[in-house]
Amino acid sequence: YQDQLTIGPTIRVCHFNIESISRAKCDVLSKILLENDVEVLAVQETHTESDHELHKRGKIPGYKLAAAIHHPQYGIATYI
C-alpha cells in the first residue's frame, strides 16, 4: 500500500490481561514492550490489594506505575 496518510505523532499502547501479576510475567512483558516501543501499558486482573503488594509481586523494568485500582480478584494498573 503506497498511499499513506500522516496523522501526526502517535503513541503505542498495550492492554494486557495478566491474570495475577508476578515477577516472571513482568520480566517477559517488559522485554516485549521495550522491543516494540510501547509507551503506555494498561494491565487488568492484577489480583492485588495494595500498591505495596503490586510492587512486591513484580515491577515492570523500564516502566513506572502511573495508577492502580486494587481488588483481590480483579484490579487494574497503568504503567508509562
Protein backbone atom coordinates (compact mmCIF):
# COMPACT_ATOMS: atom_id res chain seq x y z
CA TYR A 1 0.00 0.00 0.00
CA GLN A 2 1.83 3.08 -1.22
CA ASP A 3 -0.56 5.91 -0.28
CA GLN A 4 -0.21 6.66 3.40
CA LEU A 5 -1.84 9.36 5.45
CA THR A 6 0.34 11.08 8.03
CA ILE A 7 -1.83 11.87 11.04
CA GLY A 8 0.85 13.30 13.31
CA PRO A 9 2.55 11.98 16.44
CA THR A 10 1.37 8.64 17.77
CA ILE A 11 1.90 6.60 20.91
CA ARG A 12 1.88 2.86 21.31
CA VAL A 13 -0.47 1.48 23.93
CA CYS A 14 -0.78 -2.13 25.07
CA HIS A 15 -3.69 -3.56 27.03
CA PHE A 16 -2.99 -6.91 28.66
CA ASN A 17 -4.94 -9.32 30.88
CA ILE A 18 -2.16 -10.51 33.17
CA GLU A 19 -4.33 -12.87 35.29
CA SER A 20 -2.37 -12.32 38.50
CA ILE A 21 0.81 -10.30 38.22
CA SER A 22 4.15 -11.98 39.01
CA ARG A 23 7.86 -11.22 38.64
CA ALA A 24 8.26 -13.68 35.78
CA LYS A 25 5.33 -12.19 33.87
CA CYS A 26 6.67 -8.67 34.46
CA ASP A 27 10.10 -9.59 33.09
CA VAL A 28 8.69 -11.18 29.93
CA LEU A 29 6.21 -8.36 29.41
CA SER A 30 8.92 -5.72 29.84
CA LYS A 31 11.06 -7.36 27.16
CA ILE A 32 8.14 -7.46 24.69
CA LEU A 33 7.10 -3.86 25.44
CA LEU A 34 10.59 -2.42 25.10
CA GLU A 35 11.25 -4.33 21.86
CA ASN A 36 8.05 -2.86 20.40
CA ASP A 37 8.49 0.70 21.73
CA VAL A 38 5.26 0.57 23.75
CA GLU A 39 4.85 3.74 25.81
CA VAL A 40 1.71 3.01 27.84
CA LEU A 41 0.67 -0.32 29.37
CA ALA A 42 -2.77 -1.00 30.81
CA VAL A 43 -2.92 -4.25 32.79
CA GLN A 44 -6.09 -5.90 34.05
CA GLU A 45 -6.64 -8.63 36.65
CA THR A 46 -3.56 -7.89 38.73
CA HIS A 47 -5.21 -9.60 41.74
CA THR A 48 -3.54 -7.27 44.24
CA GLU A 49 -4.90 -5.47 47.30
CA SER A 50 -2.39 -2.56 47.52
CA ASP A 51 0.43 -0.73 45.73
CA HIS A 52 2.82 -2.48 48.14
CA GLU A 53 1.58 -5.92 47.09
CA LEU A 54 1.70 -4.92 43.42
CA HIS A 55 5.35 -3.82 43.71
CA LYS A 56 6.24 -6.86 45.84
CA ARG A 57 4.94 -9.27 43.20
CA GLY A 58 6.81 -7.59 40.41
CA LYS A 59 7.87 -4.37 38.76
CA ILE A 60 7.96 -3.90 35.02
CA PRO A 61 11.53 -2.87 34.17
CA GLY A 62 11.59 0.28 32.06
CA TYR A 63 8.12 1.41 33.20
CA LYS A 64 6.71 3.40 36.09
CA LEU A 65 3.37 2.72 37.76
CA ALA A 66 1.10 5.68 36.97
CA ALA A 67 -2.17 4.49 38.57
CA ALA A 68 -3.70 1.38 40.08
CA ILE A 69 -7.05 0.21 41.39
CA HIS A 70 -6.72 -2.80 43.63
CA HIS A 71 -9.01 -5.76 44.22
CA PRO A 72 -8.12 -9.32 45.30
CA GLN A 73 -9.96 -10.88 42.33
CA TYR A 74 -9.63 -8.15 39.74
CA GLY A 75 -7.53 -4.97 39.83
CA ILE A 76 -6.00 -2.78 37.14
CA ALA A 77 -2.73 -0.92 36.75
CA THR A 78 -1.42 1.59 34.23
CA TYR A 79 2.30 1.99 33.52
CA ILE A 80 4.16 4.58 31.47
